[in-house]
Amino acid sequence: MLIRKPGKPVLQENHKNGVLYFTFPQLGAQTGFVHGFSSRVGGVSRNEFAQMNLSFTRGDDPDCVRENYRRIAAAIGFDDEKLVCSDQTHTNHVRKVTREDCGKGYLRPRDYTDVDGLVTNEPGVVLATFYADCVPLYFIDPEHRAVGLSHSGWKGTVSDIAGVTVRAMREHYGSRPEALLAAIGPSICQTCYEVSEDVIEQVRASYEEELWQALFYKKENGRYQLNLWEACRQNLLRAGLRPEHIEVTDVCTCCNPDVLFSHRASHGKRGNLAAFLGVCA
């Protein structure tokens, strides 16, 4: 049973051929795009990687990882050979990709590094970014048929990868921020996300004081609980998105370690989830 935050359900559960993946209603209502977020359910990996691990770098059998990709691609409905994968190092670097990049990070090596965000407008290309508590950010431009997908941990959040992604889409595709649709995907919730004073110092430096109460609170042990979901939402609003165009997950990775990989819940013994987004061919 998936544990959800109180309120109206947001994230949609999808089951196909034994694979569980998630979608957002507003994004899914847009014709000509494909998107999804993986779960642990429906893959072939074992032990701490069970079942749907999508990382080649954590010690799993590569043949199992490739089979997992084939299964999640078939379930969501895209060609796994058209994937372009990020090279995440908690930066705010965003890269424009084309069909010439297909397979990078999956079927062949990447020729780029330190890329936490990807944008494209090329039909058939599917962007992929990776998670085990950090925040997936999805962007769809229905006017110009372009997409963006970015990985936002706390470092990416305070350095505003959301805003950088919006500016990249505007620069490359003419996207208007007010027309963009965005989603904040499954990731660690405020209740589960304890951080130290040095992290909060950077949050304070990045957000107006009137927002601090919504973003974090201090506990008796001197540490803090940080709300990455709200911080990312504020970044999207700052970038010019309309509040009604932003969907926020109601599912926390750390609250659901049997269904979703969580670095915190597993103490680092885990595989990776993935976010997928593309323009249909």
C-alpha atoms as a PDB file:
ATOM      1  CA  MET A   1       0.000   0.000   0.000  1.00  0.00           C
ATOM      2  CA  LEU A   2       1.425   3.362  -1.079  1.00  0.00           C
ATOM      3  CA  ILE A   3       1.652   5.938   1.727  1.00  0.00           C
ATOM      4  CA  ARG A   4       0.448   9.326   0.494  1.00  0.00           C
ATOM      5  CA  LYS A   5       0.404  12.771   2.032  1.00  0.00           C
ATOM      6  CA  PRO A   6      -3.009  14.045   3.216  1.00  0.00           C
ATOM      7  CA  GLY A   7      -5.234  15.805   0.716  1.00  0.00           C
ATOM      8  CA  LYS A   8      -6.372  15.136  -2.813  1.00  0.00           C
ATOM      9  CA  PRO A   9      -4.357  12.337  -4.496  1.00  0.00           C
ATOM     10  CA  VAL A  10      -1.991  13.702  -7.132  1.00  0.00           C
ATOM     11  CA  LEU A  11       0.315  11.003  -8.422  1.00  0.00           C
ATOM     12  CA  GLN A  12      -1.385   8.397 -10.618  1.00  0.00           C
ATOM     13  CA  GLU A  13      -0.444   4.715 -10.300  1.00  0.00           C
ATOM     14  CA  ASN A  14      -0.138   2.773 -13.560  1.00  0.00           C
ATOM     15  CA  HIS A  15       0.275  -1.001 -13.846  1.00  0.00           C
ATOM     16  CA  LYS A  16       1.327  -2.710 -17.079  1.00  0.00           C
ATOM     17  CA  ASN A  17       2.833  -6.171 -17.542  1.00  0.00           C
ATOM     18  CA  GLY A  18       3.715  -6.306 -13.867  1.00  0.00           C
ATOM     19  CA  VAL A  19       5.472  -2.926 -13.902  1.00  0.00           C
ATOM     20  CA  LEU A  20       4.309  -0.108 -11.631  1.00  0.00           C
ATOM     21  CA  TYR A  21       5.065   3.448 -12.709  1.00  0.00           C
ATOM     22  CA  PHE A  22       3.652   6.877 -11.912  1.00  0.00           C
ATOM     23  CA  THR A  23       2.332   9.784 -13.951  1.00  0.00           C
ATOM     24  CA  PHE A  24       0.916  13.261 -13.323  1.00  0.00           C
ATOM     25  CA  PRO A  25      -2.649  14.068 -14.461  1.00  0.00           C
ATOM     26  CA  GLN A  26      -1.903  17.492 -15.980  1.00  0.00           C
ATOM     27  CA  LEU A  27       1.147  16.267 -17.875  1.00  0.00           C
ATOM     28  CA  GLY A  28      -0.637  13.127 -18.993  1.00  0.00           C
ATOM     29  CA  ALA A  29      -3.509  15.168 -20.424  1.00  0.00           C
ATOM     30  CA  GLN A  30      -1.157  16.758 -22.972  1.00  0.00           C
ATOM     31  CA  THR A  31      -1.221  14.910 -26.278  1.00  0.00           C
ATOM     32  CA  GLY A  32       2.071  14.321 -28.064  1.00  0.00           C
ATOM     33  CA  PHE A  33       4.213  13.747 -24.971  1.00  0.00           C
ATOM     34  CA  VAL A  34       5.273  10.724 -22.947  1.00  0.00           C
ATOM     35  CA  HIS A  35       6.279  10.771 -19.293  1.00  0.00           C
ATOM     36  CA  GLY A  36       6.584   8.548 -16.265  1.00  0.00           C
ATOM     37  CA  PHE A  37       8.409   7.857 -13.015  1.00  0.00           C
ATOM     38  CA  SER A  38       9.602   4.358 -12.195  1.00  0.00           C
ATOM     39  CA  SER A  39       9.071   2.314  -9.043  1.00  0.00           C
ATOM     40  CA  ARG A  40      10.867  -0.702  -7.608  1.00  0.00           C
ATOM     41  CA  VAL A  41       8.118  -2.982  -8.897  1.00  0.00           C
ATOM     42  CA  GLY A  42       8.397  -5.128 -12.020  1.00  0.00           C
ATOM     43  CA  GLY A  43      12.117  -5.510 -12.660  1.00  0.00           C
ATOM     44  CA  VAL A  44      14.547  -8.418 -12.438  1.00  0.00           C
ATOM     45  CA  SER A  45      17.282  -7.119 -10.116  1.00  0.00           C
ATOM     46  CA  ARG A  46      17.849  -8.730  -6.724  1.00  0.00           C
ATOM     47  CA  ASN A  47      18.866  -7.949  -3.151  1.00  0.00           C
ATOM     48  CA  GLU A  48      19.142  -4.226  -2.393  1.00  0.00           C
ATOM     49  CA  PHE A  49      18.545  -3.509  -6.097  1.00  0.00           C
ATOM     50  CA  ALA A  50      15.226  -5.341  -6.199  1.00  0.00           C
ATOM     51  CA  GLN A  51      13.509  -5.098  -8.499  1.00  0.00           C
ATOM     52  CA  MET A  52      13.543  -2.204 -10.970  1.00  0.00           C
ATOM     53  CA  ASN A  53      17.018  -0.734 -10.519  1.00  0.00           C
ATOM     54  CA  LEU A  54      17.956   1.657 -13.344  1.00  0.00           C
ATOM     55  CA  SER A  55      21.568   2.389 -12.388  1.00  0.00           C
ATOM     56  CA  PHE A  56      24.634   0.811 -13.994  1.00  0.00           C
ATOM     57  CA  THR A  57      26.975   2.340 -11.397  1.00  0.00           C
ATOM     58  CA  ARG A  58      25.863   0.903  -8.061  1.00  0.00           C
ATOM     59  CA  GLY A  59      27.055  -2.693  -8.482  1.00  0.00           C
ATOM     60  CA  ASP A  60      24.047  -4.360 -10.066  1.00  0.00           C
ATOM     61  CA  ASP A  61      24.337  -6.897 -12.901  1.00  0.00           C
ATOM     62  CA  PRO A  62      24.338  -4.826 -16.140  1.00  0.00           C
ATOM     63  CA  ASP A  63      22.204  -7.434 -17.911  1.00  0.00           C
ATOM     64  CA  CYS A  64      19.548  -7.020 -15.231  1.00  0.00           C
ATOM     65  CA  VAL A  65      19.677  -3.244 -15.538  1.00  0.00           C
ATOM     66  CA  ARG A  66      19.255  -3.425 -19.324  1.00  0.00           C
ATOM     67  CA  GLU A  67      16.262  -5.740 -18.927  1.00  0.00           C
ATOM     68  CA  ASN A  68      14.785  -3.316 -16.396  1.00  0.00           C
ATOM     69  CA  TYR A  69      15.104  -0.504 -18.934  1.00  0.00           C
ATOM     70  CA  ARG A  70      13.389  -2.585 -21.578  1.00  0.00           C
ATOM     71  CA  ARG A  71      10.522  -3.331 -19.197  1.00  0.00           C
ATOM     72  CA  ILE A  72       9.949   0.220 -17.999  1.00  0.00           C
ATOM     73  CA  ALA A  73      10.180   1.563 -21.563  1.00  0.00           C
ATOM     74  CA  ALA A  74       7.612  -0.962 -22.787  1.00  0.00           C
ATOM     75  CA  ALA A  75       5.293  -0.149 -19.881  1.00  0.00           C
ATOM     76  CA  ILE A  76       5.432   3.643 -20.301  1.00  0.00           C
ATOM     77  CA  GLY A  77       5.493   3.419 -24.090  1.00  0.00           C
ATOM     78  CA  PHE A  78       8.777   4.647 -25.543  1.00  0.00           C
ATOM     79  CA  ASP A  79      11.771   3.235 -27.401  1.00  0.00           C
ATOM     80  CA  ASP A  80      14.565   2.559 -24.894  1.00  0.00           C
ATOM     81  CA  GLU A  81      17.179   3.047 -27.636  1.00  0.00           C
ATOM     82  CA  LYS A  82      16.104   6.712 -27.866  1.00  0.00           C
ATOM     83  CA  LEU A  83      17.029   7.485 -24.251  1.00  0.00           C
ATOM     84  CA  VAL A  84      19.422  10.299 -23.354  1.00  0.00           C
ATOM     85  CA  CYS A  85      20.649  10.143 -19.763  1.00  0.00           C
ATOM     86  CA  SER A  86      21.905  12.847 -17.421  1.00  0.00           C
ATOM     87  CA  ASP A  87      25.305  12.807 -15.702  1.00  0.00           C
ATOM     88  CA  GLN A  88      24.245  14.052 -12.286  1.00  0.00           C
ATOM     89  CA  THR A  89      26.690  15.745  -9.921  1.00  0.00           C
ATOM     90  CA  HIS A  90      24.307  18.144  -8.108  1.00  0.00           C
ATOM     91  CA  THR A  91      24.990  21.063 -10.449  1.00  0.00           C
ATOM     92  CA  ASN A  92      22.524  23.415 -12.109  1.00  0.00           C
ATOM     93  CA  HIS A  93      23.903  22.655 -15.582  1.00  0.00           C
ATOM     94  CA  VAL A  94      21.279  22.028 -18.273  1.00  0.00           C
ATOM     95  CA  ARG A  95      22.102  20.548 -21.681  1.00  0.00           C
ATOM     96  CA  LYS A  96      20.204  20.738 -24.963  1.00  0.00           C
ATOM     97  CA  VAL A  97      20.042  17.291 -26.568  1.00  0.00           C
ATOM     98  CA  THR A  98      19.124  16.035 -30.026  1.00  0.00           C
ATOM     99  CA  ARG A  99      18.586  12.687 -31.722  1.00  0.00           C
ATOM    100  CA  GLU A 100      22.361  12.451 -32.169  1.00  0.00           C
ATOM    101  CA  ASP A 101      22.552  11.978 -28.384  1.00  0.00           C
ATOM    102  CA  CYS A 102      20.199   8.978 -28.286  1.00  0.00           C
ATOM    103  CA  GLY A 103      21.615   6.081 -26.294  1.00  0.00           C
ATOM    104  CA  LYS A 104      24.104   8.141 -24.304  1.00  0.00           C
ATOM    105  CA  GLY A 105      24.383   6.914 -20.744  1.00  0.00           C
ATOM    106  CA  TYR A 106      22.493   3.759 -21.661  1.00  0.00           C
ATOM    107  CA  LEU A 107      23.755   2.075 -24.838  1.00  0.00           C
ATOM    108  CA  ARG A 108      26.931   4.102 -25.217  1.00  0.00           C
ATOM    109  CA  PRO A 109      29.102   6.439 -23.127  1.00  0.00           C
ATOM    110  CA  ARG A 110      28.187  10.055 -22.570  1.00  0.00           C
ATOM    111  CA  ASP A 111      30.449  12.700 -24.094  1.00  0.00           C
ATOM    112  CA  TYR A 112      29.368  15.239 -21.455  1.00  0.00           C
ATOM    113  CA  THR A 113      29.738  15.504 -17.685  1.00  0.00           C
ATOM    114  CA  ASP A 114      28.154  17.404 -14.815  1.00  0.00           C
ATOM    115  CA  VAL A 115      24.724  17.653 -16.403  1.00  0.00           C
ATOM    116  CA  ASP A 116      21.717  17.541 -14.066  1.00  0.00           C
ATOM    117  CA  GLY A 117      19.147  18.859 -16.524  1.00  0.00           C
ATOM    118  CA  LEU A 118      18.200  18.057 -20.118  1.00  0.00           C
ATOM    119  CA  VAL A 119      15.972  19.805 -22.664  1.00  0.00           C
ATOM    120  CA  THR A 120      14.836  18.807 -26.146  1.00  0.00           C
ATOM    121  CA  ASN A 121      12.196  19.440 -28.777  1.00  0.00           C
ATOM    122  CA  GLU A 122      13.088  16.523 -31.041  1.00  0.00           C
ATOM    123  CA  PRO A 123      10.337  13.922 -31.527  1.00  0.00           C
ATOM    124  CA  GLY A 124      11.243  10.447 -30.313  1.00  0.00           C
ATOM    125  CA  VAL A 125      14.036  11.558 -27.974  1.00  0.00           C
ATOM    126  CA  VAL A 126      13.335  10.572 -24.349  1.00  0.00           C
ATOM    127  CA  LEU A 127      15.117  12.302 -21.477  1.00  0.00           C
ATOM    128  CA  ALA A 128      16.081  10.331 -18.354  1.00  0.00           C
ATOM    129  CA  THR A 129      17.238  11.539 -14.924  1.00  0.00           C
ATOM    130  CA  PHE A 130      17.802   9.475 -11.765  1.00  0.00           C
ATOM    131  CA  TYR A 131      16.664   9.470  -8.157  1.00  0.00           C
ATOM    132  CA  ALA A 132      16.612   7.956  -4.711  1.00  0.00           C
ATOM    133  CA  ASP A 133      15.250  10.941  -2.680  1.00  0.00           C
ATOM    134  CA  CYS A 134      16.170  14.031  -4.753  1.00  0.00           C
ATOM    135  CA  VAL A 135      13.486  15.925  -6.643  1.00  0.00           C
ATOM    136  CA  PRO A 136      12.554  15.264 -10.291  1.00  0.00           C
ATOM    137  CA  LEU A 137      11.349  18.362 -12.134  1.00  0.00           C
ATOM    138  CA  TYR A 138       9.290  17.865 -15.311  1.00  0.00           C
ATOM    139  CA  PHE A 139       8.581  20.635 -17.831  1.00  0.00           C
ATOM    140  CA  ILE A 140       6.284  20.534 -20.865  1.00  0.00           C
ATOM    141  CA  ASP A 141       5.839  23.341 -23.372  1.00  0.00           C
ATOM    142  CA  PRO A 142       2.630  22.470 -25.238  1.00  0.00           C
ATOM    143  CA  GLU A 143       2.975  25.524 -27.519  1.00  0.00           C
ATOM    144  CA  HIS A 144       6.399  24.679 -28.939  1.00  0.00           C
ATOM    145  CA  ARG A 145       6.366  20.910 -28.273  1.00  0.00           C
ATOM    146  CA  ALA A 146       9.467  20.998 -26.093  1.00  0.00           C
ATOM    147  CA  VAL A 147      10.338  19.354 -22.785  1.00  0.00           C
ATOM    148  CA  GLY A 148      12.796  19.653 -19.923  1.00  0.00           C
ATOM    149  CA  LEU A 149      13.727  17.259 -17.139  1.00  0.00           C
ATOM    150  CA  SER A 150      15.971  18.178 -14.207  1.00  0.00           C
ATOM    151  CA  HIS A 151      17.388  16.607 -11.046  1.00  0.00           C
ATOM    152  CA  SER A 152      17.101  18.913  -8.042  1.00  0.00           C
ATOM    153  CA  GLY A 153      18.755  17.847  -4.796  1.00  0.00           C
ATOM    154  CA  TRP A 154      19.258  20.470  -2.137  1.00  0.00           C
ATOM    155  CA  LYS A 155      22.280  21.870  -3.992  1.00  0.00           C
ATOM    156  CA  GLY A 156      20.398  22.036  -7.272  1.00  0.00           C
ATOM    157  CA  THR A 157      17.457  23.588  -5.486  1.00  0.00           C
ATOM    158  CA  VAL A 158      19.375  26.439  -3.841  1.00  0.00           C
ATOM    159  CA  SER A 159      21.231  27.047  -7.123  1.00  0.00           C
ATOM    160  CA  ASP A 160      17.848  27.133  -8.908  1.00  0.00           C
ATOM    161  CA  ILE A 161      18.131  24.430 -11.537  1.00  0.00           C
ATOM    162  CA  ALA A 162      14.391  24.920 -12.054  1.00  0.00           C
ATOM    163  CA  GLY A 163      14.925  28.490 -13.218  1.00  0.00           C
ATOM    164  CA  VAL A 164      17.949  27.497 -15.296  1.00  0.00           C
ATOM    165  CA  THR A 165      15.850  24.860 -17.063  1.00  0.00           C
ATOM    166  CA  VAL A 166      13.079  27.345 -17.823  1.00  0.00           C
ATOM    167  CA  ARG A 167      15.607  29.823 -19.237  1.00  0.00           C
ATOM    168  CA  ALA A 168      17.173  27.082 -21.371  1.00  0.00           C
ATOM    169  CA  MET A 169      13.779  26.197 -22.829  1.00  0.00           C
ATOM    170  CA  ARG A 170      13.073  29.854 -23.515  1.00  0.00           C
ATOM    171  CA  GLU A 171      16.472  30.343 -25.174  1.00  0.00           C
ATOM    172  CA  HIS A 172      16.405  27.203 -27.335  1.00  0.00           C
ATOM    173  CA  TYR A 173      12.707  26.817 -28.130  1.00  0.00           C
ATOM    174  CA  GLY A 174      11.032  30.135 -27.430  1.00  0.00           C
ATOM    175  CA  SER A 175       9.113  28.750 -24.463  1.00  0.00           C
ATOM    176  CA  ARG A 176       7.016  31.209 -22.499  1.00  0.00           C
ATOM    177  CA  PRO A 177       7.251  30.489 -18.731  1.00  0.00           C
ATOM    178  CA  GLU A 178       3.575  31.263 -18.201  1.00  0.00           C
ATOM    179  CA  ALA A 179       2.633  28.581 -20.744  1.00  0.00           C
ATOM    180  CA  LEU A 180       4.830  25.842 -19.273  1.00  0.00           C
ATOM    181  CA  LEU A 181       3.397  22.934 -17.332  1.00  0.00           C
ATOM    182  CA  ALA A 182       5.562  21.501 -14.553  1.00  0.00           C
ATOM    183  CA  ALA A 183       5.551  18.685 -12.028  1.00  0.00           C
ATOM    184  CA  ILE A 184       7.557  18.089  -8.875  1.00  0.00           C
ATOM    185  CA  GLY A 185       8.038  14.331  -8.755  1.00  0.00           C
ATOM    186  CA  PRO A 186       8.330  11.688  -6.004  1.00  0.00           C
ATOM    187  CA  SER A 187      11.147  12.565  -3.613  1.00  0.00           C
ATOM    188  CA  ILE A 188      11.862  12.964   0.078  1.00  0.00           C
ATOM    189  CA  CYS A 189       9.273  14.903   2.084  1.00  0.00           C
ATOM    190  CA  GLN A 190       9.945  17.505   4.757  1.00  0.00           C
ATOM    191  CA  THR A 191       9.071  15.117   7.580  1.00  0.00           C
ATOM    192  CA  CYS A 192      11.829  12.732   6.456  1.00  0.00           C
ATOM    193  CA  TYR A 193      14.454  15.239   5.331  1.00  0.00           C
ATOM    194  CA  GLU A 194      16.653  16.280   8.256  1.00  0.00           C
ATOM    195  CA  VAL A 195      19.549  18.589   7.377  1.00  0.00           C
ATOM    196  CA  SER A 196      22.302  20.483   9.164  1.00  0.00           C
ATOM    197  CA  GLU A 197      22.792  24.165   9.849  1.00  0.00           C
ATOM    198  CA  ASP A 198      25.195  24.624   6.930  1.00  0.00           C
ATOM    199  CA  VAL A 199      22.500  23.513   4.469  1.00  0.00           C
ATOM    200  CA  ILE A 200      19.967  25.884   6.015  1.00  0.00           C
ATOM    201  CA  GLU A 201      22.457  28.755   5.772  1.00  0.00           C
ATOM    202  CA  GLN A 202      22.442  28.279   2.007  1.00  0.00           C
ATOM    203  CA  VAL A 203      18.655  28.064   1.966  1.00  0.00           C
ATOM    204  CA  ARG A 204      18.453  31.337   3.894  1.00  0.00           C
ATOM    205  CA  ALA A 205      20.808  32.954   1.385  1.00  0.00           C
ATOM    206  CA  SER A 206      18.671  31.774  -1.550  1.00  0.00           C
ATOM    207  CA  TYR A 207      15.133  32.609  -0.350  1.00  0.00           C
ATOM    208  CA  GLU A 208      13.414  35.652   1.116  1.00  0.00           C
ATOM    209  CA  GLU A 209      12.945  35.606   4.883  1.00  0.00           C
ATOM    210  CA  GLU A 210       9.162  35.541   4.550  1.00  0.00           C
ATOM    211  CA  LEU A 211       9.481  32.095   2.949  1.00  0.00           C
ATOM    212  CA  TRP A 212      11.648  30.515   5.632  1.00  0.00           C
ATOM    213  CA  GLN A 213       8.759  29.328   7.786  1.00  0.00           C
ATOM    214  CA  ALA A 214       7.328  27.385   4.839  1.00  0.00           C
ATOM    215  CA  LEU A 215      10.720  25.964   3.873  1.00  0.00           C
ATOM    216  CA  PHE A 216      12.218  24.705   7.144  1.00  0.00           C
ATOM    217  CA  TYR A 217      11.910  24.459  10.902  1.00  0.00           C
ATOM    218  CA  LYS A 218      14.457  23.860  13.645  1.00  0.00           C
ATOM    219  CA  LYS A 219      14.238  20.927  16.028  1.00  0.00           C
ATOM    220  CA  GLU A 220      15.369  20.539  19.620  1.00  0.00           C
ATOM    221  CA  ASN A 221      18.470  18.655  18.500  1.00  0.00           C
ATOM    222  CA  GLY A 222      19.650  21.728  16.592  1.00  0.00           C
ATOM    223  CA  ARG A 223      18.998  20.214  13.173  1.00  0.00           C
ATOM    224  CA  TYR A 224      16.320  21.180  10.655  1.00  0.00           C
ATOM    225  CA  GLN A 225      13.579  19.662   8.521  1.00  0.00           C
ATOM    226  CA  LEU A 226      13.748  21.030   4.963  1.00  0.00           C
ATOM    227  CA  ASN A 227      10.832  21.172   2.527  1.00  0.00           C
ATOM    228  CA  LEU A 228      12.377  20.597  -0.903  1.00  0.00           C
ATOM    229  CA  TRP A 229       8.941  20.352  -2.542  1.00  0.00           C
ATOM    230  CA  GLU A 230       8.019  23.893  -1.502  1.00  0.00           C
ATOM    231  CA  ALA A 231      11.488  25.228  -2.310  1.00  0.00           C
ATOM    232  CA  CYS A 232      11.214  23.826  -5.840  1.00  0.00           C
ATOM    233  CA  ARG A 233       7.701  25.208  -6.183  1.00  0.00           C
ATOM    234  CA  GLN A 234       8.957  28.643  -5.218  1.00  0.00           C
ATOM    235  CA  ASN A 235      11.717  28.342  -7.815  1.00  0.00           C
ATOM    236  CA  LEU A 236       9.127  27.543 -10.468  1.00  0.00           C
ATOM    237  CA  LEU A 237       6.990  30.520  -9.449  1.00  0.00           C
ATOM    238  CA  ARG A 238      10.032  32.789  -9.547  1.00  0.00           C
ATOM    239  CA  ALA A 239      10.771  31.518 -13.056  1.00  0.00           C
ATOM    240  CA  GLY A 240       7.342  32.748 -14.164  1.00  0.00           C
ATOM    241  CA  LEU A 241       5.200  29.600 -14.073  1.00  0.00           C
ATOM    242  CA  ARG A 242       1.586  29.902 -13.055  1.00  0.00           C
ATOM    243  CA  PRO A 243       0.656  28.260  -9.742  1.00  0.00           C
ATOM    244  CA  GLU A 244      -2.123  26.257 -11.386  1.00  0.00           C
ATOM    245  CA  HIS A 245       0.389  24.839 -13.885  1.00  0.00           C
ATOM    246  CA  ILE A 246       2.497  23.203 -11.146  1.00  0.00           C
ATOM    247  CA  GLU A 247       1.683  19.698  -9.869  1.00  0.00           C
ATOM    248  CA  VAL A 248       3.367  18.639  -6.620  1.00  0.00           C
ATOM    249  CA  THR A 249       3.818  15.004  -5.652  1.00  0.00           C
ATOM    250  CA  ASP A 250       1.908  13.578  -2.711  1.00  0.00           C
ATOM    251  CA  VAL A 251       4.264  10.580  -2.466  1.00  0.00           C
ATOM    252  CA  CYS A 252       7.567  10.544  -0.543  1.00  0.00           C
ATOM    253  CA  THR A 253      10.352   8.141  -1.486  1.00  0.00           C
ATOM    254  CA  CYS A 254      11.540   7.756   2.113  1.00  0.00           C
ATOM    255  CA  CYS A 255       8.015   7.009   3.390  1.00  0.00           C
ATOM    256  CA  ASN A 256       7.667   4.224   0.792  1.00  0.00           C
ATOM    257  CA  PRO A 257      10.960   2.260   0.757  1.00  0.00           C
ATOM    258  CA  ASP A 258       9.260  -0.953  -0.379  1.00  0.00           C
ATOM    259  CA  VAL A 259       7.908   0.755  -3.503  1.00  0.00           C
ATOM    260  CA  LEU A 260      10.526   3.444  -4.180  1.00  0.00           C
ATOM    261  CA  PHE A 261      14.293   3.560  -3.675  1.00  0.00           C
ATOM    262  CA  SER A 262      15.334   5.901  -0.865  1.00  0.00           C
ATOM    263  CA  HIS A 263      18.940   6.678  -0.002  1.00  0.00           C
ATOM    264  CA  ARG A 264      17.983   7.752   3.509  1.00  0.00           C
ATOM    265  CA  ALA A 265      15.695   4.850   4.284  1.00  0.00           C
ATOM    266  CA  SER A 266      18.197   2.267   2.970  1.00  0.00           C
ATOM    267  CA  HIS A 267      21.320   3.970   4.377  1.00  0.00           C
ATOM    268  CA  GLY A 268      22.736   4.017   0.862  1.00  0.00           C
ATOM    269  CA  LYS A 269      22.090   0.367  -0.005  1.00  0.00           C
ATOM    270  CA  ARG A 270      19.789   0.828  -2.984  1.00  0.00           C
ATOM    271  CA  GLY A 271      19.288   1.154  -6.693  1.00  0.00           C
ATOM    272  CA  ASN A 272      18.029   4.141  -8.676  1.00  0.00           C
ATOM    273  CA  LEU A 273      14.620   5.236  -9.837  1.00  0.00           C
ATOM    274  CA  ALA A 274      14.266   7.245 -13.038  1.00  0.00           C
ATOM    275  CA  ALA A 275      12.129  10.001 -14.466  1.00  0.00           C
ATOM    276  CA  PHE A 276      11.340   9.888 -18.182  1.00  0.00           C
ATOM    277  CA  LEU A 277       9.988  12.620 -20.448  1.00  0.00           C
ATOM    278  CA  GLY A 278       9.865  13.044 -24.200  1.00  0.00           C
ATOM    279  CA  VAL A 279       8.093  14.422 -27.251  1.00  0.00           C
ATOM    280  CA  CYS A 280       6.295  11.652 -29.134  1.00  0.00           C
ATOM    281  CA  ALA A 281       7.578  10.778 -32.577  1.00  0.00           C
END
